[in-house]
Amino acid sequence: MGTWELIDCLEAPEEESDNPAIPIRSEAHLREELDRLRERKHGHVLLASPEKDGLSISIGGPFVSFGWTPSPDERRLVGQKEALAGQRYSPQPVESWSEGIPTAVGPEFLFPAERAIEAIVHFYNTHELPRWISWREWDPASLQWKVTPAKGTTRPLSLS
């Protein structure tokens, strides 16, 4: 089995270099890194699986947004997915930084950090998207967004 990596995309990399990547050794290590990232300016990281798909995560402070990105080989056939918070936890957008460029993340995508981290860890442990979250998915065939509603409990059992 390959290695999971947490790739830091907050700042633009130096010319001809890659964004810094941290190999993830365990669930505890992933939680430690996500907690560390909460303490800095809101920015973009990528949790890349050994299969090269992953979660695109905007993290920093009390709110986190995330979405699934297919592997490069699948991108023409499978659209990205964005997690929908289901309710507003923040009254306004959060400014998030990716490669030195700020982007507003709308309140509909912002989760409390603890809840988002549980979903991210679920993905790491199972390599499946959590079903307790609604997902907005880009359909490359119809060129439209579609929503897959949450199924089952509204919160992971560890947060209930």
N, C-alpha and C. Protein backbone atom coordinates (compact mmCIF):
# COMPACT_ATOMS: atom_id res chain seq x y z
N MET A 1 0.84 -1.18 0.00
CA MET A 1 0.00 0.00 0.00
C MET A 1 0.88 1.24 0.00
N GLY A 2 0.46 2.25 -0.74
CA GLY A 2 1.20 3.49 -0.82
C GLY A 2 0.99 4.36 0.40
N THR A 3 1.52 5.56 0.32
CA THR A 3 1.49 6.49 1.44
C THR A 3 0.47 7.60 1.21
N TRP A 4 -0.29 7.91 2.25
CA TRP A 4 -1.14 9.09 2.24
C TRP A 4 -0.26 10.30 2.52
N GLU A 5 -0.58 11.44 1.90
CA GLU A 5 0.19 12.66 2.12
C GLU A 5 -0.74 13.83 2.38
N LEU A 6 -0.29 14.74 3.23
CA LEU A 6 -0.97 16.00 3.46
C LEU A 6 -0.10 17.07 2.80
N ILE A 7 -0.61 17.66 1.73
CA ILE A 7 0.16 18.60 0.92
C ILE A 7 -0.31 20.01 1.24
N ASP A 8 0.62 20.85 1.65
CA ASP A 8 0.32 22.22 2.06
C ASP A 8 0.35 23.15 0.84
N CYS A 9 -0.80 23.74 0.53
CA CYS A 9 -0.93 24.61 -0.64
C CYS A 9 -1.20 26.06 -0.25
N LEU A 10 -0.95 26.42 1.00
CA LEU A 10 -1.22 27.78 1.47
C LEU A 10 -0.46 28.81 0.64
N GLU A 11 0.84 28.60 0.49
CA GLU A 11 1.68 29.53 -0.26
C GLU A 11 2.08 28.90 -1.59
N ALA A 12 2.36 29.75 -2.57
CA ALA A 12 2.84 29.26 -3.86
C ALA A 12 4.24 28.69 -3.67
N PRO A 13 4.51 27.52 -4.27
CA PRO A 13 5.86 26.96 -4.12
C PRO A 13 6.88 27.77 -4.91
N GLU A 14 8.13 27.64 -4.53
CA GLU A 14 9.21 28.27 -5.29
C GLU A 14 9.20 27.69 -6.70
N GLU A 15 9.73 28.45 -7.63
CA GLU A 15 9.77 28.00 -9.02
C GLU A 15 10.47 26.64 -9.10
N GLU A 16 9.89 25.75 -9.89
CA GLU A 16 10.40 24.40 -10.12
C GLU A 16 10.48 23.55 -8.85
N SER A 17 9.59 23.80 -7.90
CA SER A 17 9.52 22.95 -6.71
C SER A 17 8.05 22.62 -6.43
N ASP A 18 7.84 21.62 -5.62
CA ASP A 18 6.48 21.19 -5.28
C ASP A 18 6.06 21.79 -3.95
N ASN A 19 4.76 21.77 -3.70
CA ASN A 19 4.26 22.17 -2.39
C ASN A 19 4.78 21.19 -1.35
N PRO A 20 5.02 21.67 -0.12
CA PRO A 20 5.50 20.76 0.92
C PRO A 20 4.48 19.67 1.23
N ALA A 21 4.96 18.44 1.37
CA ALA A 21 4.10 17.28 1.65
C ALA A 21 4.59 16.56 2.89
N ILE A 22 3.63 16.14 3.72
CA ILE A 22 3.94 15.39 4.93
C ILE A 22 3.33 14.00 4.78
N PRO A 23 4.15 12.94 4.81
CA PRO A 23 3.58 11.59 4.79
C PRO A 23 2.79 11.36 6.09
N ILE A 24 1.58 10.83 5.95
CA ILE A 24 0.73 10.57 7.12
C ILE A 24 0.94 9.13 7.55
N ARG A 25 1.32 8.96 8.81
CA ARG A 25 1.68 7.63 9.34
C ARG A 25 0.52 6.90 9.99
N SER A 26 -0.48 7.67 10.47
CA SER A 26 -1.57 7.04 11.24
C SER A 26 -2.71 8.03 11.39
N GLU A 27 -3.84 7.52 11.89
CA GLU A 27 -4.97 8.40 12.19
C GLU A 27 -4.57 9.46 13.21
N ALA A 28 -3.85 9.06 14.25
CA ALA A 28 -3.43 10.02 15.28
C ALA A 28 -2.54 11.11 14.69
N HIS A 29 -1.66 10.72 13.77
CA HIS A 29 -0.79 11.70 13.12
C HIS A 29 -1.61 12.67 12.26
N LEU A 30 -2.59 12.15 11.53
CA LEU A 30 -3.45 13.01 10.72
C LEU A 30 -4.19 14.01 11.61
N ARG A 31 -4.76 13.54 12.71
CA ARG A 31 -5.46 14.44 13.64
C ARG A 31 -4.52 15.52 14.18
N GLU A 32 -3.30 15.12 14.51
CA GLU A 32 -2.30 16.08 15.02
C GLU A 32 -2.00 17.16 13.99
N GLU A 33 -1.82 16.75 12.73
CA GLU A 33 -1.52 17.71 11.67
C GLU A 33 -2.72 18.64 11.40
N LEU A 34 -3.93 18.09 11.40
CA LEU A 34 -5.11 18.92 11.18
C LEU A 34 -5.30 19.92 12.33
N ASP A 35 -5.04 19.48 13.55
CA ASP A 35 -5.12 20.41 14.69
C ASP A 35 -4.08 21.52 14.56
N ARG A 36 -2.88 21.17 14.10
CA ARG A 36 -1.83 22.17 13.89
C ARG A 36 -2.27 23.19 12.82
N LEU A 37 -2.87 22.69 11.75
CA LEU A 37 -3.30 23.56 10.66
C LEU A 37 -4.43 24.50 11.08
N ARG A 38 -5.23 24.09 12.05
CA ARG A 38 -6.31 24.96 12.56
C ARG A 38 -5.76 26.23 13.19
N GLU A 39 -4.51 26.18 13.65
CA GLU A 39 -3.92 27.30 14.38
C GLU A 39 -3.33 28.38 13.47
N ARG A 40 -3.32 28.17 12.18
CA ARG A 40 -2.72 29.16 11.28
C ARG A 40 -3.78 29.87 10.45
N LYS A 41 -3.33 30.72 9.56
CA LYS A 41 -4.23 31.41 8.63
C LYS A 41 -4.99 30.37 7.82
N HIS A 42 -6.27 30.66 7.56
CA HIS A 42 -7.12 29.74 6.80
C HIS A 42 -6.51 29.51 5.43
N GLY A 43 -6.23 28.24 5.12
CA GLY A 43 -5.60 27.94 3.85
C GLY A 43 -5.89 26.54 3.36
N HIS A 44 -5.41 26.26 2.18
CA HIS A 44 -5.72 25.04 1.44
C HIS A 44 -4.64 23.98 1.66
N VAL A 45 -5.10 22.77 1.94
CA VAL A 45 -4.23 21.58 1.97
C VAL A 45 -4.95 20.48 1.21
N LEU A 46 -4.20 19.50 0.79
CA LEU A 46 -4.76 18.36 0.08
C LEU A 46 -4.35 17.09 0.80
N LEU A 47 -5.32 16.26 1.16
CA LEU A 47 -5.05 14.94 1.70
C LEU A 47 -5.10 13.98 0.52
N ALA A 48 -3.93 13.56 0.05
CA ALA A 48 -3.83 12.73 -1.14
C ALA A 48 -3.69 11.26 -0.75
N SER A 49 -4.55 10.43 -1.34
CA SER A 49 -4.50 8.99 -1.08
C SER A 49 -3.40 8.36 -1.94
N PRO A 50 -3.06 7.11 -1.64
CA PRO A 50 -2.09 6.41 -2.50
C PRO A 50 -2.57 6.29 -3.95
N GLU A 51 -3.89 6.32 -4.16
CA GLU A 51 -4.44 6.23 -5.52
C GLU A 51 -4.50 7.59 -6.22
N LYS A 52 -4.06 8.65 -5.52
CA LYS A 52 -3.95 10.02 -6.05
C LYS A 52 -5.26 10.78 -6.12
N ASP A 53 -6.36 10.21 -5.59
CA ASP A 53 -7.54 11.02 -5.37
C ASP A 53 -7.36 11.61 -3.98
N GLY A 54 -8.28 12.44 -3.53
CA GLY A 54 -8.10 12.96 -2.19
C GLY A 54 -9.12 13.99 -1.80
N LEU A 55 -8.89 14.55 -0.63
CA LEU A 55 -9.75 15.62 -0.13
C LEU A 55 -9.01 16.94 -0.23
N SER A 56 -9.68 17.89 -0.83
CA SER A 56 -9.20 19.27 -0.87
C SER A 56 -9.80 19.95 0.35
N ILE A 57 -8.96 20.46 1.23
CA ILE A 57 -9.40 20.95 2.53
C ILE A 57 -8.99 22.41 2.70
N SER A 58 -9.94 23.22 3.15
CA SER A 58 -9.65 24.61 3.51
C SER A 58 -9.80 24.69 5.03
N ILE A 59 -8.69 24.95 5.72
CA ILE A 59 -8.68 24.83 7.17
C ILE A 59 -7.91 25.98 7.82
N GLY A 60 -8.39 26.39 8.98
CA GLY A 60 -7.75 27.43 9.78
C GLY A 60 -8.81 28.06 10.66
N GLY A 61 -8.58 28.06 11.95
CA GLY A 61 -9.58 28.62 12.86
C GLY A 61 -10.72 27.66 13.11
N PRO A 62 -11.91 28.21 13.42
CA PRO A 62 -13.03 27.36 13.84
C PRO A 62 -13.77 26.65 12.70
N PHE A 63 -13.51 27.02 11.44
CA PHE A 63 -14.27 26.46 10.32
C PHE A 63 -13.38 25.76 9.31
N VAL A 64 -13.96 24.72 8.70
CA VAL A 64 -13.26 23.91 7.69
C VAL A 64 -14.24 23.63 6.56
N SER A 65 -13.75 23.68 5.34
CA SER A 65 -14.53 23.18 4.21
C SER A 65 -13.69 22.10 3.53
N PHE A 66 -14.36 21.20 2.81
CA PHE A 66 -13.61 20.14 2.15
C PHE A 66 -14.43 19.57 1.01
N GLY A 67 -13.73 18.95 0.09
CA GLY A 67 -14.36 18.30 -1.05
C GLY A 67 -13.45 17.22 -1.59
N TRP A 68 -14.03 16.31 -2.33
CA TRP A 68 -13.28 15.20 -2.91
C TRP A 68 -12.85 15.56 -4.32
N THR A 69 -11.62 15.21 -4.65
CA THR A 69 -11.06 15.44 -5.98
C THR A 69 -10.63 14.10 -6.56
N PRO A 70 -11.10 13.76 -7.75
CA PRO A 70 -10.70 12.49 -8.34
C PRO A 70 -9.22 12.49 -8.72
N SER A 71 -8.69 11.30 -8.95
CA SER A 71 -7.30 11.19 -9.40
C SER A 71 -7.18 11.82 -10.79
N PRO A 72 -5.97 12.22 -11.17
CA PRO A 72 -5.80 12.83 -12.50
C PRO A 72 -6.34 11.98 -13.63
N ASP A 73 -6.24 10.65 -13.52
CA ASP A 73 -6.73 9.76 -14.58
C ASP A 73 -8.26 9.77 -14.69
N GLU A 74 -8.96 10.10 -13.59
CA GLU A 74 -10.42 10.06 -13.57
C GLU A 74 -11.09 11.40 -13.85
N ARG A 75 -10.35 12.48 -13.86
CA ARG A 75 -10.95 13.82 -13.88
C ARG A 75 -11.84 14.11 -15.08
N ARG A 76 -11.58 13.49 -16.21
CA ARG A 76 -12.44 13.73 -17.38
C ARG A 76 -13.78 13.01 -17.25
N LEU A 77 -13.81 11.95 -16.45
CA LEU A 77 -15.01 11.11 -16.35
C LEU A 77 -15.81 11.34 -15.08
N VAL A 78 -15.13 11.74 -14.01
CA VAL A 78 -15.76 11.85 -12.70
C VAL A 78 -15.57 13.28 -12.19
N GLY A 79 -16.65 13.89 -11.74
CA GLY A 79 -16.56 15.26 -11.25
C GLY A 79 -16.16 15.33 -9.80
N GLN A 80 -15.68 16.49 -9.41
CA GLN A 80 -15.35 16.73 -8.00
C GLN A 80 -16.61 16.80 -7.16
N LYS A 81 -16.46 16.62 -5.84
CA LYS A 81 -17.59 16.69 -4.92
C LYS A 81 -17.25 17.67 -3.82
N GLU A 82 -18.23 18.47 -3.43
CA GLU A 82 -18.04 19.43 -2.35
C GLU A 82 -18.99 19.09 -1.22
N ALA A 83 -18.48 19.06 0.00
CA ALA A 83 -19.31 18.78 1.17
C ALA A 83 -20.18 20.00 1.48
N LEU A 84 -21.47 19.76 1.71
CA LEU A 84 -22.41 20.82 2.07
C LEU A 84 -22.72 20.74 3.56
N ALA A 85 -22.59 21.85 4.24
CA ALA A 85 -22.73 21.86 5.70
C ALA A 85 -24.15 21.52 6.16
N GLY A 86 -25.16 21.79 5.37
CA GLY A 86 -26.54 21.46 5.76
C GLY A 86 -27.20 22.52 6.61
N GLN A 87 -26.41 23.34 7.26
CA GLN A 87 -26.92 24.50 8.00
C GLN A 87 -25.78 25.50 8.07
N ARG A 88 -26.12 26.73 8.42
CA ARG A 88 -25.10 27.77 8.49
C ARG A 88 -24.49 27.82 9.88
N TYR A 89 -23.19 27.57 9.92
CA TYR A 89 -22.44 27.68 11.17
C TYR A 89 -21.72 29.02 11.25
N SER A 90 -21.53 29.65 10.09
CA SER A 90 -20.87 30.95 10.02
C SER A 90 -21.82 31.91 9.29
N PRO A 91 -21.98 33.13 9.80
CA PRO A 91 -22.87 34.07 9.14
C PRO A 91 -22.29 34.66 7.85
N GLN A 92 -21.01 34.48 7.64
CA GLN A 92 -20.37 35.09 6.47
C GLN A 92 -19.31 34.16 5.89
N PRO A 93 -18.87 34.44 4.66
CA PRO A 93 -17.80 33.63 4.07
C PRO A 93 -16.50 33.77 4.87
N VAL A 94 -15.62 32.83 4.66
CA VAL A 94 -14.28 32.86 5.24
C VAL A 94 -13.28 33.01 4.10
N GLU A 95 -12.30 33.86 4.28
CA GLU A 95 -11.26 34.02 3.27
C GLU A 95 -10.21 32.93 3.46
N SER A 96 -10.00 32.14 2.43
CA SER A 96 -9.03 31.06 2.48
C SER A 96 -7.96 31.32 1.43
N TRP A 97 -6.74 30.92 1.75
CA TRP A 97 -5.59 31.17 0.88
C TRP A 97 -5.10 29.88 0.24
N SER A 98 -4.87 29.94 -1.08
CA SER A 98 -4.31 28.81 -1.82
C SER A 98 -3.24 29.35 -2.75
N GLU A 99 -2.03 28.87 -2.56
CA GLU A 99 -0.88 29.32 -3.33
C GLU A 99 -0.78 30.84 -3.36
N GLY A 100 -1.05 31.45 -2.19
CA GLY A 100 -0.90 32.88 -2.02
C GLY A 100 -2.06 33.72 -2.52
N ILE A 101 -3.13 33.07 -2.99
CA ILE A 101 -4.28 33.80 -3.55
C ILE A 101 -5.49 33.59 -2.64
N PRO A 102 -6.13 34.69 -2.20
CA PRO A 102 -7.31 34.52 -1.34
C PRO A 102 -8.56 34.20 -2.14
N THR A 103 -9.41 33.35 -1.56
CA THR A 103 -10.69 32.98 -2.16
C THR A 103 -11.73 32.92 -1.05
N ALA A 104 -12.91 33.44 -1.30
CA ALA A 104 -13.99 33.38 -0.31
C ALA A 104 -14.64 32.00 -0.35
N VAL A 105 -14.79 31.38 0.83
CA VAL A 105 -15.49 30.10 0.96
C VAL A 105 -16.84 30.42 1.58
N GLY A 106 -17.92 30.12 0.87
CA GLY A 106 -19.27 30.45 1.31
C GLY A 106 -19.69 29.69 2.55
N PRO A 107 -20.58 30.29 3.34
CA PRO A 107 -21.05 29.65 4.58
C PRO A 107 -21.68 28.27 4.36
N GLU A 108 -22.26 28.03 3.19
CA GLU A 108 -22.89 26.73 2.94
C GLU A 108 -21.90 25.57 2.91
N PHE A 109 -20.59 25.90 2.81
CA PHE A 109 -19.55 24.88 2.76
C PHE A 109 -18.75 24.78 4.06
N LEU A 110 -19.04 25.63 5.04
CA LEU A 110 -18.23 25.71 6.26
C LEU A 110 -18.81 24.84 7.38
N PHE A 111 -17.99 23.95 7.88
CA PHE A 111 -18.34 23.07 8.99
C PHE A 111 -17.56 23.50 10.22
N PRO A 112 -18.09 23.24 11.41
CA PRO A 112 -17.25 23.39 12.60
C PRO A 112 -16.04 22.46 12.45
N ALA A 113 -14.88 22.92 12.85
CA ALA A 113 -13.64 22.17 12.61
C ALA A 113 -13.72 20.74 13.14
N GLU A 114 -14.27 20.55 14.34
CA GLU A 114 -14.31 19.21 14.92
C GLU A 114 -15.11 18.24 14.06
N ARG A 115 -16.23 18.70 13.54
CA ARG A 115 -17.08 17.84 12.71
C ARG A 115 -16.38 17.51 11.38
N ALA A 116 -15.74 18.52 10.80
CA ALA A 116 -15.04 18.29 9.53
C ALA A 116 -13.87 17.33 9.72
N ILE A 117 -13.15 17.48 10.82
CA ILE A 117 -12.01 16.59 11.06
C ILE A 117 -12.48 15.15 11.19
N GLU A 118 -13.64 14.91 11.82
CA GLU A 118 -14.17 13.55 11.91
C GLU A 118 -14.45 13.00 10.51
N ALA A 119 -14.99 13.81 9.63
CA ALA A 119 -15.28 13.37 8.26
C ALA A 119 -13.98 13.09 7.49
N ILE A 120 -12.98 13.93 7.68
CA ILE A 120 -11.69 13.75 7.00
C ILE A 120 -11.02 12.47 7.49
N VAL A 121 -11.05 12.23 8.78
CA VAL A 121 -10.47 11.01 9.35
C VAL A 121 -11.23 9.78 8.85
N HIS A 122 -12.56 9.89 8.75
CA HIS A 122 -13.36 8.79 8.19
C HIS A 122 -12.86 8.45 6.78
N PHE A 123 -12.65 9.46 5.95
CA PHE A 123 -12.16 9.23 4.59
C PHE A 123 -10.79 8.55 4.63
N TYR A 124 -9.92 9.02 5.50
CA TYR A 124 -8.58 8.42 5.63
C TYR A 124 -8.67 6.94 6.03
N ASN A 125 -9.52 6.63 6.97
CA ASN A 125 -9.63 5.25 7.48
C ASN A 125 -10.33 4.30 6.52
N THR A 126 -11.31 4.79 5.76
CA THR A 126 -12.13 3.90 4.93
C THR A 126 -11.95 4.13 3.43
N HIS A 127 -11.37 5.25 3.06
CA HIS A 127 -11.27 5.70 1.67
C HIS A 127 -12.66 5.80 1.03
N GLU A 128 -13.63 6.19 1.87
CA GLU A 128 -15.00 6.43 1.42
C GLU A 128 -15.47 7.79 1.95
N LEU A 129 -16.29 8.45 1.16
CA LEU A 129 -16.86 9.72 1.61
C LEU A 129 -17.92 9.45 2.67
N PRO A 130 -17.97 10.24 3.72
CA PRO A 130 -18.98 10.04 4.76
C PRO A 130 -20.39 10.22 4.20
N ARG A 131 -21.27 9.28 4.50
CA ARG A 131 -22.64 9.36 4.01
C ARG A 131 -23.51 10.26 4.88
N TRP A 132 -23.03 10.65 6.06
CA TRP A 132 -23.82 11.52 6.93
C TRP A 132 -23.73 12.99 6.50
N ILE A 133 -23.02 13.25 5.38
CA ILE A 133 -22.87 14.60 4.84
C ILE A 133 -23.47 14.64 3.44
N SER A 134 -24.14 15.74 3.10
CA SER A 134 -24.64 15.95 1.73
C SER A 134 -23.47 16.42 0.87
N TRP A 135 -23.50 15.99 -0.38
CA TRP A 135 -22.42 16.33 -1.31
C TRP A 135 -22.99 16.98 -2.57
N ARG A 136 -22.35 18.04 -3.00
CA ARG A 136 -22.65 18.66 -4.28
C ARG A 136 -21.60 18.15 -5.25
N GLU A 137 -22.07 17.54 -6.34
CA GLU A 137 -21.15 16.87 -7.28
C GLU A 137 -21.29 17.47 -8.67
N TRP A 138 -20.15 17.74 -9.30
CA TRP A 138 -20.14 18.22 -10.67
C TRP A 138 -20.28 17.02 -11.60
N ASP A 139 -21.27 17.10 -12.49
CA ASP A 139 -21.50 16.05 -13.47
C ASP A 139 -20.90 16.50 -14.80
N PRO A 140 -19.74 15.93 -15.20
CA PRO A 140 -19.11 16.39 -16.42
C PRO A 140 -19.92 16.10 -17.68
N ALA A 141 -20.81 15.12 -17.63
CA ALA A 141 -21.63 14.80 -18.80
C ALA A 141 -22.69 15.86 -19.03
N SER A 142 -23.41 16.26 -17.96
CA SER A 142 -24.48 17.25 -18.13
C SER A 142 -24.01 18.68 -17.88
N LEU A 143 -22.77 18.82 -17.38
CA LEU A 143 -22.20 20.13 -17.05
C LEU A 143 -23.07 20.88 -16.03
N GLN A 144 -23.55 20.11 -15.04
CA GLN A 144 -24.38 20.69 -13.98
C GLN A 144 -23.98 20.10 -12.63
N TRP A 145 -24.32 20.85 -11.57
CA TRP A 145 -24.14 20.34 -10.22
C TRP A 145 -25.36 19.52 -9.83
N LYS A 146 -25.14 18.42 -9.10
CA LYS A 146 -26.25 17.66 -8.53
C LYS A 146 -25.92 17.42 -7.06
N VAL A 147 -26.96 17.27 -6.24
CA VAL A 147 -26.76 17.10 -4.81
C VAL A 147 -27.16 15.70 -4.40
N THR A 148 -26.26 15.05 -3.65
CA THR A 148 -26.56 13.75 -3.04
C THR A 148 -26.83 14.02 -1.57
N PRO A 149 -28.09 13.84 -1.14
CA PRO A 149 -28.41 14.15 0.26
C PRO A 149 -27.74 13.20 1.24
N ALA A 150 -27.57 13.68 2.47
CA ALA A 150 -27.01 12.87 3.54
C ALA A 150 -27.92 11.68 3.81
N LYS A 151 -27.30 10.58 4.24
CA LYS A 151 -28.05 9.38 4.62
C LYS A 151 -27.63 8.98 6.02
N GLY A 152 -28.53 8.42 6.76
CA GLY A 152 -28.18 7.94 8.10
C GLY A 152 -28.13 9.07 9.10
N THR A 153 -27.27 8.90 10.10
CA THR A 153 -27.19 9.89 11.16
C THR A 153 -26.66 11.21 10.63
N THR A 154 -27.03 12.29 11.29
CA THR A 154 -26.59 13.61 10.86
C THR A 154 -25.22 13.96 11.42
N ARG A 155 -24.74 13.17 12.37
CA ARG A 155 -23.43 13.41 12.95
C ARG A 155 -22.73 12.07 13.13
N PRO A 156 -21.41 12.05 12.99
CA PRO A 156 -20.71 10.80 13.29
C PRO A 156 -20.93 10.40 14.75
N LEU A 157 -20.94 9.12 15.01
CA LEU A 157 -21.21 8.64 16.35
C LEU A 157 -20.25 9.22 17.38
N SER A 158 -19.01 9.46 17.00
CA SER A 158 -18.04 9.98 17.96
C SER A 158 -18.35 11.40 18.39
N LEU A 159 -19.23 12.10 17.67
CA LEU A 159 -19.58 13.48 18.02
C LEU A 159 -20.99 13.59 18.57
N SER A 160 -21.73 12.50 18.62
CA SER A 160 -23.12 12.54 19.06
C SER A 160 -23.20 12.79 20.55
